[in-house]
Amino acid sequence: MARPLRYEAAGAVYHMMAREDCGKNDFEDDKDRFAWVDLLERANGRFGWRVHTWVLMGNHFHLLLETPEPNLVAG
């Protein structure tokens, strides 16, 4: 059975997270961490998201972001 489509709405606030399998680390070093932050900044600029807070952990991350346009999946 296919996964249901993700709900998207203008002005919606999302808690997003992703976790690596089996406790593996997502980020090898600070270079990887800075690259992730740079990627997030570029997505914000391109899609107009408002990131309220974010945190990088060893094997996962959390984002709390708002989408002024219904474009979460596009990003």
PDB file of N, CA and C in Angstrom:
ATOM      1  N   MET A   1       0.845  -1.180   0.000  1.00  0.00           N
ATOM      2  CA  MET A   1       0.000   0.000   0.000  1.00  0.00           C
ATOM      3  C   MET A   1       0.888   1.239   0.000  1.00  0.00           C
ATOM      4  N   ALA A   2       0.558   2.194  -0.837  1.00  0.00           N
ATOM      5  CA  ALA A   2       1.353   3.412  -0.959  1.00  0.00           C
ATOM      6  C   ALA A   2       1.171   4.306   0.261  1.00  0.00           C
ATOM      7  N   ARG A   3       2.210   5.059   0.553  1.00  0.00           N
ATOM      8  CA  ARG A   3       2.156   6.024   1.655  1.00  0.00           C
ATOM      9  C   ARG A   3       1.208   7.151   1.261  1.00  0.00           C
ATOM     10  N   PRO A   4       0.366   7.638   2.185  1.00  0.00           N
ATOM     11  CA  PRO A   4      -0.520   8.754   1.846  1.00  0.00           C
ATOM     12  C   PRO A   4       0.289  10.010   1.526  1.00  0.00           C
ATOM     13  N   LEU A   5      -0.278  10.867   0.694  1.00  0.00           N
ATOM     14  CA  LEU A   5       0.393  12.114   0.356  1.00  0.00           C
ATOM     15  C   LEU A   5       0.580  12.962   1.613  1.00  0.00           C
ATOM     16  N   ARG A   6       1.707  13.658   1.661  1.00  0.00           N
ATOM     17  CA  ARG A   6       1.993  14.531   2.798  1.00  0.00           C
ATOM     18  C   ARG A   6       1.084  15.758   2.735  1.00  0.00           C
ATOM     19  N   TYR A   7       0.529  16.132   3.869  1.00  0.00           N
ATOM     20  CA  TYR A   7      -0.322  17.314   3.957  1.00  0.00           C
ATOM     21  C   TYR A   7       0.539  18.560   3.785  1.00  0.00           C
ATOM     22  N   GLU A   8       0.140  19.457   2.903  1.00  0.00           N
ATOM     23  CA  GLU A   8       0.842  20.719   2.697  1.00  0.00           C
ATOM     24  C   GLU A   8      -0.180  21.848   2.713  1.00  0.00           C
ATOM     25  N   ALA A   9       0.175  22.949   3.369  1.00  0.00           N
ATOM     26  CA  ALA A   9      -0.709  24.105   3.416  1.00  0.00           C
ATOM     27  C   ALA A   9       0.125  25.361   3.584  1.00  0.00           C
ATOM     28  N   ALA A  10      -0.372  26.462   3.063  1.00  0.00           N
ATOM     29  CA  ALA A  10       0.286  27.751   3.281  1.00  0.00           C
ATOM     30  C   ALA A  10       0.205  28.094   4.760  1.00  0.00           C
ATOM     31  N   GLY A  11       1.328  28.516   5.333  1.00  0.00           N
ATOM     32  CA  GLY A  11       1.366  28.890   6.737  1.00  0.00           C
ATOM     33  C   GLY A  11       1.425  27.713   7.704  1.00  0.00           C
ATOM     34  N   ALA A  12       1.614  26.504   7.194  1.00  0.00           N
ATOM     35  CA  ALA A  12       1.672  25.327   8.062  1.00  0.00           C
ATOM     36  C   ALA A  12       3.018  25.275   8.790  1.00  0.00           C
ATOM     37  N   VAL A  13       3.012  24.713   9.986  1.00  0.00           N
ATOM     38  CA  VAL A  13       4.219  24.519  10.771  1.00  0.00           C
ATOM     39  C   VAL A  13       4.452  23.016  10.883  1.00  0.00           C
ATOM     40  N   TYR A  14       5.683  22.592  10.600  1.00  0.00           N
ATOM     41  CA  TYR A  14       6.022  21.173  10.577  1.00  0.00           C
ATOM     42  C   TYR A  14       7.172  20.882  11.537  1.00  0.00           C
ATOM     43  N   HIS A  15       7.069  19.770  12.234  1.00  0.00           N
ATOM     44  CA  HIS A  15       8.214  19.215  12.955  1.00  0.00           C
ATOM     45  C   HIS A  15       8.738  18.097  12.068  1.00  0.00           C
ATOM     46  N   MET A  16       9.949  18.269  11.578  1.00  0.00           N
ATOM     47  CA  MET A  16      10.557  17.265  10.713  1.00  0.00           C
ATOM     48  C   MET A  16      11.745  16.653  11.427  1.00  0.00           C
ATOM     49  N   MET A  17      11.955  15.375  11.190  1.00  0.00           N
ATOM     50  CA  MET A  17      13.148  14.721  11.721  1.00  0.00           C
ATOM     51  C   MET A  17      13.496  13.563  10.804  1.00  0.00           C
ATOM     52  N   ALA A  18      14.763  13.220  10.842  1.00  0.00           N
ATOM     53  CA  ALA A  18      15.234  12.037  10.123  1.00  0.00           C
ATOM     54  C   ALA A  18      16.309  11.393  10.982  1.00  0.00           C
ATOM     55  N   ARG A  19      16.276  10.084  11.009  1.00  0.00           N
ATOM     56  CA  ARG A  19      17.201   9.324  11.847  1.00  0.00           C
ATOM     57  C   ARG A  19      17.912   8.280  10.982  1.00  0.00           C
ATOM     58  N   GLU A  20      19.174   8.074  11.250  1.00  0.00           N
ATOM     59  CA  GLU A  20      19.982   7.080  10.548  1.00  0.00           C
ATOM     60  C   GLU A  20      19.643   5.681  11.059  1.00  0.00           C
ATOM     61  N   ASP A  21      19.818   4.689  10.227  1.00  0.00           N
ATOM     62  CA  ASP A  21      19.574   3.293  10.604  1.00  0.00           C
ATOM     63  C   ASP A  21      20.592   2.798  11.623  1.00  0.00           C
ATOM     64  N   CYS A  22      20.148   1.951  12.503  1.00  0.00           N
ATOM     65  CA  CYS A  22      21.012   1.190  13.422  1.00  0.00           C
ATOM     66  C   CYS A  22      21.959   2.058  14.242  1.00  0.00           C
ATOM     67  N   GLY A  23      21.556   3.272  14.551  1.00  0.00           N
ATOM     68  CA  GLY A  23      22.382   4.132  15.391  1.00  0.00           C
ATOM     69  C   GLY A  23      23.614   4.691  14.710  1.00  0.00           C
ATOM     70  N   LYS A  24      23.720   4.527  13.382  1.00  0.00           N
ATOM     71  CA  LYS A  24      24.867   5.093  12.654  1.00  0.00           C
ATOM     72  C   LYS A  24      24.807   6.617  12.720  1.00  0.00           C
ATOM     73  N   ASN A  25      25.958   7.253  12.627  1.00  0.00           N
ATOM     74  CA  ASN A  25      26.012   8.713  12.628  1.00  0.00           C
ATOM     75  C   ASN A  25      25.684   9.260  11.245  1.00  0.00           C
ATOM     76  N   ASP A  26      24.876  10.331  11.203  1.00  0.00           N
ATOM     77  CA  ASP A  26      24.571  11.020   9.950  1.00  0.00           C
ATOM     78  C   ASP A  26      25.761  11.824   9.465  1.00  0.00           C
ATOM     79  N   PHE A  27      26.531  12.339  10.393  1.00  0.00           N
ATOM     80  CA  PHE A  27      27.584  13.289  10.067  1.00  0.00           C
ATOM     81  C   PHE A  27      28.932  12.745  10.516  1.00  0.00           C
ATOM     82  N   GLU A  28      29.870  12.684   9.593  1.00  0.00           N
ATOM     83  CA  GLU A  28      31.205  12.174   9.904  1.00  0.00           C
ATOM     84  C   GLU A  28      32.005  13.183  10.731  1.00  0.00           C
ATOM     85  N   ASP A  29      31.849  14.481  10.387  1.00  0.00           N
ATOM     86  CA  ASP A  29      32.672  15.512  11.017  1.00  0.00           C
ATOM     87  C   ASP A  29      32.000  16.875  10.854  1.00  0.00           C
ATOM     88  N   ASP A  30      32.675  17.921  11.299  1.00  0.00           N
ATOM     89  CA  ASP A  30      32.110  19.268  11.204  1.00  0.00           C
ATOM     90  C   ASP A  30      31.899  19.705   9.759  1.00  0.00           C
ATOM     91  N   LYS A  31      32.719  19.231   8.844  1.00  0.00           N
ATOM     92  CA  LYS A  31      32.523  19.569   7.435  1.00  0.00           C
ATOM     93  C   LYS A  31      31.146  19.105   6.965  1.00  0.00           C
ATOM     94  N   ASP A  32      30.753  17.896   7.338  1.00  0.00           N
ATOM     95  CA  ASP A  32      29.422  17.384   7.002  1.00  0.00           C
ATOM     96  C   ASP A  32      28.322  18.222   7.654  1.00  0.00           C
ATOM     97  N   ARG A  33      28.537  18.601   8.898  1.00  0.00           N
ATOM     98  CA  ARG A  33      27.533  19.407   9.615  1.00  0.00           C
ATOM     99  C   ARG A  33      27.346  20.769   8.944  1.00  0.00           C
ATOM    100  N   PHE A  34      28.460  21.414   8.597  1.00  0.00           N
ATOM    101  CA  PHE A  34      28.376  22.716   7.926  1.00  0.00           C
ATOM    102  C   PHE A  34      27.719  22.587   6.553  1.00  0.00           C
ATOM    103  N   ALA A  35      27.974  21.501   5.851  1.00  0.00           N
ATOM    104  CA  ALA A  35      27.336  21.279   4.550  1.00  0.00           C
ATOM    105  C   ALA A  35      25.823  21.138   4.715  1.00  0.00           C
ATOM    106  N   TRP A  36      25.383  20.450   5.785  1.00  0.00           N
ATOM    107  CA  TRP A  36      23.954  20.290   6.040  1.00  0.00           C
ATOM    108  C   TRP A  36      23.308  21.650   6.332  1.00  0.00           C
ATOM    109  N   VAL A  37      23.975  22.457   7.144  1.00  0.00           N
ATOM    110  CA  VAL A  37      23.448  23.792   7.466  1.00  0.00           C
ATOM    111  C   VAL A  37      23.390  24.646   6.204  1.00  0.00           C
ATOM    112  N   ASP A  38      24.405  24.565   5.355  1.00  0.00           N
ATOM    113  CA  ASP A  38      24.409  25.309   4.092  1.00  0.00           C
ATOM    114  C   ASP A  38      23.248  24.870   3.206  1.00  0.00           C
ATOM    115  N   LEU A  39      23.009  23.579   3.129  1.00  0.00           N
ATOM    116  CA  LEU A  39      21.892  23.058   2.340  1.00  0.00           C
ATOM    117  C   LEU A  39      20.552  23.566   2.876  1.00  0.00           C
ATOM    118  N   LEU A  40      20.404  23.589   4.181  1.00  0.00           N
ATOM    119  CA  LEU A  40      19.180  24.111   4.795  1.00  0.00           C
ATOM    120  C   LEU A  40      18.998  25.593   4.467  1.00  0.00           C
ATOM    121  N   GLU A  41      20.081  26.364   4.537  1.00  0.00           N
ATOM    122  CA  GLU A  41      20.002  27.793   4.203  1.00  0.00           C
ATOM    123  C   GLU A  41      19.590  28.004   2.751  1.00  0.00           C
ATOM    124  N   ARG A  42      20.134  27.197   1.841  1.00  0.00           N
ATOM    125  CA  ARG A  42      19.773  27.332   0.425  1.00  0.00           C
ATOM    126  C   ARG A  42      18.308  26.959   0.193  1.00  0.00           C
ATOM    127  N   ALA A  43      17.823  25.926   0.877  1.00  0.00           N
ATOM    128  CA  ALA A  43      16.408  25.556   0.746  1.00  0.00           C
ATOM    129  C   ALA A  43      15.518  26.681   1.269  1.00  0.00           C
ATOM    130  N   ASN A  44      15.910  27.279   2.384  1.00  0.00           N
ATOM    131  CA  ASN A  44      15.136  28.405   2.921  1.00  0.00           C
ATOM    132  C   ASN A  44      15.056  29.534   1.911  1.00  0.00           C
ATOM    133  N   GLY A  45      16.195  29.869   1.307  1.00  0.00           N
ATOM    134  CA  GLY A  45      16.220  30.946   0.316  1.00  0.00           C
ATOM    135  C   GLY A  45      15.396  30.625  -0.912  1.00  0.00           C
ATOM    136  N   ARG A  46      15.468  29.401  -1.350  1.00  0.00           N
ATOM    137  CA  ARG A  46      14.767  29.016  -2.573  1.00  0.00           C
ATOM    138  C   ARG A  46      13.263  28.884  -2.383  1.00  0.00           C
ATOM    139  N   PHE A  47      12.837  28.348  -1.240  1.00  0.00           N
ATOM    140  CA  PHE A  47      11.424  28.050  -1.042  1.00  0.00           C
ATOM    141  C   PHE A  47      10.727  28.978  -0.053  1.00  0.00           C
ATOM    142  N   GLY A  48      11.483  29.887   0.568  1.00  0.00           N
ATOM    143  CA  GLY A  48      10.879  30.866   1.458  1.00  0.00           C
ATOM    144  C   GLY A  48      10.427  30.316   2.796  1.00  0.00           C
ATOM    145  N   TRP A  49      10.983  29.170   3.203  1.00  0.00           N
ATOM    146  CA  TRP A  49      10.616  28.614   4.498  1.00  0.00           C
ATOM    147  C   TRP A  49      11.090  29.504   5.627  1.00  0.00           C
ATOM    148  N   ARG A  50      10.444  29.363   6.760  1.00  0.00           N
ATOM    149  CA  ARG A  50      10.869  30.036   7.991  1.00  0.00           C
ATOM    150  C   ARG A  50      11.252  28.955   8.990  1.00  0.00           C
ATOM    151  N   VAL A  51      12.529  28.822   9.237  1.00  0.00           N
ATOM    152  CA  VAL A  51      12.990  27.820  10.202  1.00  0.00           C
ATOM    153  C   VAL A  51      12.958  28.458  11.580  1.00  0.00           C
ATOM    154  N   HIS A  52      12.144  27.925  12.460  1.00  0.00           N
ATOM    155  CA  HIS A  52      12.029  28.468  13.805  1.00  0.00           C
ATOM    156  C   HIS A  52      13.129  27.938  14.709  1.00  0.00           C
ATOM    157  N   THR A  53      13.476  26.665  14.540  1.00  0.00           N
ATOM    158  CA  THR A  53      14.572  26.086  15.313  1.00  0.00           C
ATOM    159  C   THR A  53      15.027  24.795  14.642  1.00  0.00           C
ATOM    160  N   TRP A  54      16.263  24.433  14.889  1.00  0.00           N
ATOM    161  CA  TRP A  54      16.789  23.174  14.372  1.00  0.00           C
ATOM    162  C   TRP A  54      17.865  22.679  15.315  1.00  0.00           C
ATOM    163  N   VAL A  55      18.108  21.375  15.251  1.00  0.00           N
ATOM    164  CA  VAL A  55      19.169  20.780  16.057  1.00  0.00           C
ATOM    165  C   VAL A  55      19.730  19.585  15.286  1.00  0.00           C
ATOM    166  N   LEU A  56      21.042  19.482  15.290  1.00  0.00           N
ATOM    167  CA  LEU A  56      21.725  18.324  14.723  1.00  0.00           C
ATOM    168  C   LEU A  56      22.204  17.461  15.869  1.00  0.00           C
ATOM    169  N   MET A  57      21.838  16.200  15.831  1.00  0.00           N
ATOM    170  CA  MET A  57      22.320  15.239  16.811  1.00  0.00           C
ATOM    171  C   MET A  57      23.277  14.295  16.080  1.00  0.00           C
ATOM    172  N   GLY A  58      23.875  13.388  16.781  1.00  0.00           N
ATOM    173  CA  GLY A  58      24.834  12.491  16.149  1.00  0.00           C
ATOM    174  C   GLY A  58      24.234  11.628  15.053  1.00  0.00           C
ATOM    175  N   ASN A  59      23.032  11.095  15.294  1.00  0.00           N
ATOM    176  CA  ASN A  59      22.437  10.188  14.311  1.00  0.00           C
ATOM    177  C   ASN A  59      21.069  10.654  13.806  1.00  0.00           C
ATOM    178  N   HIS A  60      20.698  11.903  14.087  1.00  0.00           N
ATOM    179  CA  HIS A  60      19.447  12.428  13.551  1.00  0.00           C
ATOM    180  C   HIS A  60      19.415  13.947  13.672  1.00  0.00           C
ATOM    181  N   PHE A  61      18.375  14.532  13.070  1.00  0.00           N
ATOM    182  CA  PHE A  61      18.170  15.979  13.197  1.00  0.00           C
ATOM    183  C   PHE A  61      16.687  16.255  13.396  1.00  0.00           C
ATOM    184  N   HIS A  62      16.405  17.447  13.909  1.00  0.00           N
ATOM    185  CA  HIS A  62      15.036  17.940  14.064  1.00  0.00           C
ATOM    186  C   HIS A  62      14.970  19.338  13.455  1.00  0.00           C
ATOM    187  N   LEU A  63      13.848  19.642  12.810  1.00  0.00           N
ATOM    188  CA  LEU A  63      13.562  20.972  12.281  1.00  0.00           C
ATOM    189  C   LEU A  63      12.151  21.356  12.695  1.00  0.00           C
ATOM    190  N   LEU A  64      11.962  22.600  13.047  1.00  0.00           N
ATOM    191  CA  LEU A  64      10.625  23.151  13.202  1.00  0.00           C
ATOM    192  C   LEU A  64      10.549  24.285  12.199  1.00  0.00           C
ATOM    193  N   LEU A  65       9.776  24.083  11.143  1.00  0.00           N
ATOM    194  CA  LEU A  65       9.733  25.097  10.091  1.00  0.00           C
ATOM    195  C   LEU A  65       8.315  25.400   9.672  1.00  0.00           C
ATOM    196  N   GLU A  66       8.177  26.582   9.105  1.00  0.00           N
ATOM    197  CA  GLU A  66       6.890  27.078   8.609  1.00  0.00           C
ATOM    198  C   GLU A  66       7.015  27.298   7.115  1.00  0.00           C
ATOM    199  N   THR A  67       5.976  26.942   6.379  1.00  0.00           N
ATOM    200  CA  THR A  67       5.977  27.132   4.932  1.00  0.00           C
ATOM    201  C   THR A  67       4.927  28.179   4.575  1.00  0.00           C
ATOM    202  N   PRO A  68       5.358  29.397   4.183  1.00  0.00           N
ATOM    203  CA  PRO A  68       4.392  30.410   3.764  1.00  0.00           C
ATOM    204  C   PRO A  68       3.573  29.964   2.550  1.00  0.00           C
ATOM    205  N   GLU A  69       4.157  29.132   1.705  1.00  0.00           N
ATOM    206  CA  GLU A  69       3.465  28.525   0.555  1.00  0.00           C
ATOM    207  C   GLU A  69       3.397  27.012   0.802  1.00  0.00           C
ATOM    208  N   PRO A  70       2.453  26.329   0.206  1.00  0.00           N
ATOM    209  CA  PRO A  70       2.368  24.870   0.398  1.00  0.00           C
ATOM    210  C   PRO A  70       3.424  24.141  -0.443  1.00  0.00           C
ATOM    211  N   ASN A  71       4.708  24.244  -0.021  1.00  0.00           N
ATOM    212  CA  ASN A  71       5.800  23.734  -0.842  1.00  0.00           C
ATOM    213  C   ASN A  71       6.802  22.878  -0.062  1.00  0.00           C
ATOM    214  N   LEU A  72       6.380  22.207   0.983  1.00  0.00           N
ATOM    215  CA  LEU A  72       7.292  21.402   1.766  1.00  0.00           C
ATOM    216  C   LEU A  72       7.935  20.295   0.935  1.00  0.00           C
ATOM    217  N   VAL A  73       7.139  19.582   0.165  1.00  0.00           N
ATOM    218  CA  VAL A  73       7.652  18.466  -0.625  1.00  0.00           C
ATOM    219  C   VAL A  73       8.611  18.968  -1.694  1.00  0.00           C
ATOM    220  N   ALA A  74       8.371  20.115  -2.260  1.00  0.00           N
ATOM    221  CA  ALA A  74       9.261  20.666  -3.299  1.00  0.00           C
ATOM    222  C   ALA A  74      10.672  20.877  -2.762  1.00  0.00           C
ATOM    223  N   GLY A  75      10.757  21.187  -1.485  1.00  0.00           N
ATOM    224  CA  GLY A  75      12.068  21.438  -0.877  1.00  0.00           C
ATOM    225  C   GLY A  75      12.750  20.185  -0.458  1.00  0.00           C
TER     226      GLY A  75
END
